[in-house]
PDB file of N, CA and C in Angstrom:
ATOM      1  N   MET A   1     -20.732 -11.149 -23.655  1.00  0.00           N
ATOM      2  CA  MET A   1     -19.819 -10.694 -22.632  1.00  0.00           C
ATOM      3  C   MET A   1     -19.511 -11.845 -21.673  1.00  0.00           C
ATOM      4  N   ALA A   2     -18.295 -11.920 -21.257  1.00  0.00           N
ATOM      5  CA  ALA A   2     -17.879 -12.985 -20.349  1.00  0.00           C
ATOM      6  C   ALA A   2     -18.524 -12.799 -18.985  1.00  0.00           C
ATOM      7  N   ASP A   3     -18.665 -13.900 -18.260  1.00  0.00           N
ATOM      8  CA  ASP A   3     -19.204 -13.813 -16.909  1.00  0.00           C
ATOM      9  C   ASP A   3     -18.274 -12.987 -16.034  1.00  0.00           C
ATOM     10  N   ARG A   4     -18.873 -12.143 -15.203  1.00  0.00           N
ATOM     11  CA  ARG A   4     -18.107 -11.337 -14.256  1.00  0.00           C
ATOM     12  C   ARG A   4     -18.440 -11.809 -12.855  1.00  0.00           C
ATOM     13  N   TYR A   5     -17.430 -11.816 -12.027  1.00  0.00           N
ATOM     14  CA  TYR A   5     -17.590 -12.242 -10.641  1.00  0.00           C
ATOM     15  C   TYR A   5     -17.134 -11.105  -9.743  1.00  0.00           C
ATOM     16  N   LYS A   6     -17.804 -10.951  -8.623  1.00  0.00           N
ATOM     17  CA  LYS A   6     -17.545  -9.834  -7.729  1.00  0.00           C
ATOM     18  C   LYS A   6     -16.868 -10.314  -6.454  1.00  0.00           C
ATOM     19  N   THR A   7     -16.087  -9.436  -5.859  1.00  0.00           N
ATOM     20  CA  THR A   7     -15.472  -9.717  -4.562  1.00  0.00           C
ATOM     21  C   THR A   7     -16.530 -10.288  -3.622  1.00  0.00           C
ATOM     22  N   GLY A   8     -16.180 -11.400  -2.971  1.00  0.00           N
ATOM     23  CA  GLY A   8     -17.105 -12.050  -2.035  1.00  0.00           C
ATOM     24  C   GLY A   8     -17.833 -13.236  -2.626  1.00  0.00           C
ATOM     25  N   GLU A   9     -17.938 -13.294  -3.962  1.00  0.00           N
ATOM     26  CA  GLU A   9     -18.576 -14.445  -4.600  1.00  0.00           C
ATOM     27  C   GLU A   9     -17.593 -15.614  -4.642  1.00  0.00           C
ATOM     28  N   LYS A  10     -18.129 -16.802  -4.864  1.00  0.00           N
ATOM     29  CA  LYS A  10     -17.311 -18.015  -4.936  1.00  0.00           C
ATOM     30  C   LYS A  10     -16.944 -18.324  -6.385  1.00  0.00           C
ATOM     31  N   ALA A  11     -15.708 -18.765  -6.595  1.00  0.00           N
ATOM     32  CA  ALA A  11     -15.264 -19.153  -7.934  1.00  0.00           C
ATOM     33  C   ALA A  11     -16.026 -20.399  -8.375  1.00  0.00           C
ATOM     34  N   PRO A  12     -16.567 -20.393  -9.604  1.00  0.00           N
ATOM     35  CA  PRO A  12     -17.338 -21.537 -10.076  1.00  0.00           C
ATOM     36  C   PRO A  12     -16.467 -22.717 -10.502  1.00  0.00           C
ATOM     37  N   GLU A  13     -15.204 -22.439 -10.794  1.00  0.00           N
ATOM     38  CA  GLU A  13     -14.295 -23.497 -11.241  1.00  0.00           C
ATOM     39  C   GLU A  13     -12.852 -23.088 -10.986  1.00  0.00           C
ATOM     40  N   ASN A  14     -11.968 -24.090 -10.989  1.00  0.00           N
ATOM     41  CA  ASN A  14     -10.540 -23.816 -10.850  1.00  0.00           C
ATOM     42  C   ASN A  14     -10.075 -23.001 -12.050  1.00  0.00           C
ATOM     43  N   GLY A  15      -9.136 -22.096 -11.815  1.00  0.00           N
ATOM     44  CA  GLY A  15      -8.582 -21.382 -12.959  1.00  0.00           C
ATOM     45  C   GLY A  15      -7.983 -20.043 -12.615  1.00  0.00           C
ATOM     46  N   LYS A  16      -7.563 -19.372 -13.673  1.00  0.00           N
ATOM     47  CA  LYS A  16      -6.995 -18.035 -13.553  1.00  0.00           C
ATOM     48  C   LYS A  16      -8.065 -17.018 -13.914  1.00  0.00           C
ATOM     49  N   TYR A  17      -8.093 -15.939 -13.144  1.00  0.00           N
ATOM     50  CA  TYR A  17      -9.058 -14.868 -13.345  1.00  0.00           C
ATOM     51  C   TYR A  17      -8.309 -13.556 -13.433  1.00  0.00           C
ATOM     52  N   GLU A  18      -8.887 -12.605 -14.177  1.00  0.00           N
ATOM     53  CA  GLU A  18      -8.229 -11.309 -14.312  1.00  0.00           C
ATOM     54  C   GLU A  18      -9.145 -10.179 -13.859  1.00  0.00           C
ATOM     55  N   PHE A  19      -8.528  -9.133 -13.359  1.00  0.00           N
ATOM     56  CA  PHE A  19      -9.217  -7.945 -12.873  1.00  0.00           C
ATOM     57  C   PHE A  19     -10.039  -7.335 -14.005  1.00  0.00           C
ATOM     58  N   ASP A  20     -11.283  -6.925 -13.699  1.00  0.00           N
ATOM     59  CA  ASP A  20     -12.173  -6.367 -14.725  1.00  0.00           C
ATOM     60  C   ASP A  20     -12.880  -5.105 -14.230  1.00  0.00           C
ATOM     61  N   GLY A  21     -12.240  -4.366 -13.319  1.00  0.00           N
ATOM     62  CA  GLY A  21     -12.783  -3.102 -12.854  1.00  0.00           C
ATOM     63  C   GLY A  21     -13.246  -3.156 -11.409  1.00  0.00           C
ATOM     64  N   LEU A  22     -13.434  -1.966 -10.841  1.00  0.00           N
ATOM     65  CA  LEU A  22     -13.938  -1.866  -9.473  1.00  0.00           C
ATOM     66  C   LEU A  22     -15.460  -1.834  -9.502  1.00  0.00           C
ATOM     67  N   THR A  23     -16.087  -2.386  -8.481  1.00  0.00           N
ATOM     68  CA  THR A  23     -17.546  -2.456  -8.464  1.00  0.00           C
ATOM     69  C   THR A  23     -18.189  -1.081  -8.314  1.00  0.00           C
ATOM     70  N   ASN A  24     -17.470  -0.119  -7.762  1.00  0.00           N
ATOM     71  CA  ASN A  24     -18.040   1.217  -7.598  1.00  0.00           C
ATOM     72  C   ASN A  24     -17.831   2.100  -8.826  1.00  0.00           C
ATOM     73  N   GLY A  25     -17.179   1.559  -9.855  1.00  0.00           N
ATOM     74  CA  GLY A  25     -16.999   2.276 -11.112  1.00  0.00           C
ATOM     75  C   GLY A  25     -15.866   3.282 -11.128  1.00  0.00           C
ATOM     76  N   SER A  26     -15.163   3.447 -10.011  1.00  0.00           N
ATOM     77  CA  SER A  26     -14.060   4.412  -9.996  1.00  0.00           C
ATOM     78  C   SER A  26     -12.853   3.837 -10.730  1.00  0.00           C
ATOM     79  N   ASN A  27     -11.932   4.710 -11.048  1.00  0.00           N
ATOM     80  CA  ASN A  27     -10.714   4.299 -11.734  1.00  0.00           C
ATOM     81  C   ASN A  27      -9.744   3.689 -10.742  1.00  0.00           C
ATOM     82  N   SER A  28      -8.969   2.762 -11.224  1.00  0.00           N
ATOM     83  CA  SER A  28      -7.926   2.160 -10.396  1.00  0.00           C
ATOM     84  C   SER A  28      -6.753   1.824 -11.286  1.00  0.00           C
ATOM     85  N   ASN A  29      -5.610   1.708 -10.681  1.00  0.00           N
ATOM     86  CA  ASN A  29      -4.404   1.343 -11.409  1.00  0.00           C
ATOM     87  C   ASN A  29      -3.743   0.167 -10.715  1.00  0.00           C
ATOM     88  N   PRO A  30      -4.334  -1.029 -10.878  1.00  0.00           N
ATOM     89  CA  PRO A  30      -3.733  -2.188 -10.223  1.00  0.00           C
ATOM     90  C   PRO A  30      -2.376  -2.517 -10.845  1.00  0.00           C
ATOM     91  N   THR A  31      -1.492  -3.074 -10.037  1.00  0.00           N
ATOM     92  CA  THR A  31      -0.197  -3.497 -10.556  1.00  0.00           C
ATOM     93  C   THR A  31      -0.392  -4.711 -11.461  1.00  0.00           C
ATOM     94  N   GLU A  32       0.569  -4.978 -12.306  1.00  0.00           N
ATOM     95  CA  GLU A  32       0.485  -6.160 -13.182  1.00  0.00           C
ATOM     96  C   GLU A  32       0.317  -7.427 -12.349  1.00  0.00           C
ATOM     97  N   ASP A  33       0.980  -7.461 -11.216  1.00  0.00           N
ATOM     98  CA  ASP A  33       0.939  -8.644 -10.353  1.00  0.00           C
ATOM     99  C   ASP A  33      -0.455  -8.902  -9.789  1.00  0.00           C
ATOM    100  N   GLU A  34      -1.191  -7.849  -9.459  1.00  0.00           N
ATOM    101  CA  GLU A  34      -2.507  -8.055  -8.850  1.00  0.00           C
ATOM    102  C   GLU A  34      -3.644  -8.110  -9.861  1.00  0.00           C
ATOM    103  N   LYS A  35      -3.361  -7.954 -11.138  1.00  0.00           N
ATOM    104  CA  LYS A  35      -4.398  -8.045 -12.175  1.00  0.00           C
ATOM    105  C   LYS A  35      -4.830  -9.483 -12.421  1.00  0.00           C
ATOM    106  N   HIS A  36      -4.010 -10.440 -12.000  1.00  0.00           N
ATOM    107  CA  HIS A  36      -4.281 -11.850 -12.277  1.00  0.00           C
ATOM    108  C   HIS A  36      -4.234 -12.650 -10.983  1.00  0.00           C
ATOM    109  N   ILE A  37      -5.242 -13.493 -10.782  1.00  0.00           N
ATOM    110  CA  ILE A  37      -5.295 -14.356  -9.601  1.00  0.00           C
ATOM    111  C   ILE A  37      -5.622 -15.783 -10.035  1.00  0.00           C
ATOM    112  N   SER A  38      -5.218 -16.735  -9.226  1.00  0.00           N
ATOM    113  CA  SER A  38      -5.574 -18.139  -9.434  1.00  0.00           C
ATOM    114  C   SER A  38      -6.447 -18.564  -8.264  1.00  0.00           C
ATOM    115  N   LEU A  39      -7.578 -19.180  -8.578  1.00  0.00           N
ATOM    116  CA  LEU A  39      -8.497 -19.648  -7.543  1.00  0.00           C
ATOM    117  C   LEU A  39      -8.908 -21.091  -7.814  1.00  0.00           C
ATOM    118  N   GLN A  40      -9.231 -21.779  -6.743  1.00  0.00           N
ATOM    119  CA  GLN A  40      -9.809 -23.110  -6.829  1.00  0.00           C
ATOM    120  C   GLN A  40     -11.320 -22.964  -6.727  1.00  0.00           C
ATOM    121  N   SER A  41     -12.037 -23.905  -7.265  1.00  0.00           N
ATOM    122  CA  SER A  41     -13.496 -23.893  -7.182  1.00  0.00           C
ATOM    123  C   SER A  41     -13.932 -23.746  -5.724  1.00  0.00           C
ATOM    124  N   GLY A  42     -14.825 -22.791  -5.471  1.00  0.00           N
ATOM    125  CA  GLY A  42     -15.339 -22.575  -4.128  1.00  0.00           C
ATOM    126  C   GLY A  42     -14.597 -21.516  -3.332  1.00  0.00           C
ATOM    127  N   GLU A  43     -13.398 -21.107  -3.804  1.00  0.00           N
ATOM    128  CA  GLU A  43     -12.676 -20.036  -3.112  1.00  0.00           C
ATOM    129  C   GLU A  43     -13.363 -18.703  -3.387  1.00  0.00           C
ATOM    130  N   THR A  44     -13.175 -17.760  -2.496  1.00  0.00           N
ATOM    131  CA  THR A  44     -13.827 -16.456  -2.584  1.00  0.00           C
ATOM    132  C   THR A  44     -12.987 -15.465  -3.377  1.00  0.00           C
ATOM    133  N   PHE A  45     -13.661 -14.730  -4.285  1.00  0.00           N
ATOM    134  CA  PHE A  45     -12.962 -13.682  -5.031  1.00  0.00           C
ATOM    135  C   PHE A  45     -12.554 -12.577  -4.066  1.00  0.00           C
ATOM    136  N   PRO A  46     -11.297 -12.147  -4.120  1.00  0.00           N
ATOM    137  CA  PRO A  46     -10.788 -11.153  -3.171  1.00  0.00           C
ATOM    138  C   PRO A  46     -11.022  -9.716  -3.640  1.00  0.00           C
ATOM    139  N   PRO A  47     -10.835  -8.762  -2.719  1.00  0.00           N
ATOM    140  CA  PRO A  47     -10.805  -7.358  -3.143  1.00  0.00           C
ATOM    141  C   PRO A  47      -9.475  -7.089  -3.844  1.00  0.00           C
ATOM    142  N   LEU A  48      -9.359  -5.959  -4.477  1.00  0.00           N
ATOM    143  CA  LEU A  48      -8.089  -5.558  -5.076  1.00  0.00           C
ATOM    144  C   LEU A  48      -7.102  -5.337  -3.935  1.00  0.00           C
ATOM    145  N   ARG A  49      -5.945  -5.982  -3.999  1.00  0.00           N
ATOM    146  CA  ARG A  49      -4.999  -5.955  -2.877  1.00  0.00           C
ATOM    147  C   ARG A  49      -4.531  -4.555  -2.499  1.00  0.00           C
ATOM    148  N   SER A  50      -4.179  -3.729  -3.482  1.00  0.00           N
ATOM    149  CA  SER A  50      -3.579  -2.428  -3.188  1.00  0.00           C
ATOM    150  C   SER A  50      -4.558  -1.448  -2.540  1.00  0.00           C
ATOM    151  N   SER A  51      -5.824  -1.492  -2.959  1.00  0.00           N
ATOM    152  CA  SER A  51      -6.790  -0.514  -2.451  1.00  0.00           C
ATOM    153  C   SER A  51      -7.813  -1.130  -1.502  1.00  0.00           C
ATOM    154  N   LYS A  52      -7.848  -2.462  -1.421  1.00  0.00           N
ATOM    155  CA  LYS A  52      -8.831  -3.181  -0.585  1.00  0.00           C
ATOM    156  C   LYS A  52     -10.270  -2.911  -1.032  1.00  0.00           C
ATOM    157  N   GLU A  53     -10.444  -2.457  -2.281  1.00  0.00           N
ATOM    158  CA  GLU A  53     -11.781  -2.160  -2.798  1.00  0.00           C
ATOM    159  C   GLU A  53     -12.371  -3.379  -3.497  1.00  0.00           C
ATOM    160  N   SER A  54     -13.692  -3.461  -3.487  1.00  0.00           N
ATOM    161  CA  SER A  54     -14.415  -4.539  -4.147  1.00  0.00           C
ATOM    162  C   SER A  54     -14.191  -4.458  -5.656  1.00  0.00           C
ATOM    163  N   ALA A  55     -13.938  -5.618  -6.272  1.00  0.00           N
ATOM    164  CA  ALA A  55     -13.575  -5.643  -7.679  1.00  0.00           C
ATOM    165  C   ALA A  55     -14.394  -6.670  -8.447  1.00  0.00           C
ATOM    166  N   TYR A  56     -14.427  -6.496  -9.757  1.00  0.00           N
ATOM    167  CA  TYR A  56     -14.972  -7.508 -10.669  1.00  0.00           C
ATOM    168  C   TYR A  56     -13.812  -8.326 -11.220  1.00  0.00           C
ATOM    169  N   TRP A  57     -14.065  -9.601 -11.431  1.00  0.00           N
ATOM    170  CA  TRP A  57     -13.077 -10.521 -11.997  1.00  0.00           C
ATOM    171  C   TRP A  57     -13.734 -11.286 -13.129  1.00  0.00           C
ATOM    172  N   LYS A  58     -12.953 -11.695 -14.130  1.00  0.00           N
ATOM    173  CA  LYS A  58     -13.456 -12.553 -15.198  1.00  0.00           C
ATOM    174  C   LYS A  58     -12.437 -13.637 -15.494  1.00  0.00           C
ATOM    175  N   LYS A  59     -12.938 -14.736 -16.044  1.00  0.00           N
ATOM    176  CA  LYS A  59     -12.061 -15.871 -16.368  1.00  0.00           C
ATOM    177  C   LYS A  59     -11.059 -15.445 -17.410  1.00  0.00           C
ATOM    178  N   ALA A  60      -9.797 -15.758 -17.172  1.00  0.00           N
ATOM    179  CA  ALA A  60      -8.728 -15.358 -18.096  1.00  0.00           C
ATOM    180  C   ALA A  60      -8.598 -16.358 -19.233  1.00  0.00           C
TER     181      ALA A  60
END
């Protein structure tokens, strides 16, 4: 399984990351636009924009 990163953690490397679920396990319907983010090494993984909920991210 690919590494998962949680809202608040730091990105280990530059790159594109994709949404991989909410940390509380509830269902969500993120827009296509918010399913993908670009981060630089050391930047913080954000919450899901539409719901402001903590999310899991994985390297795309």
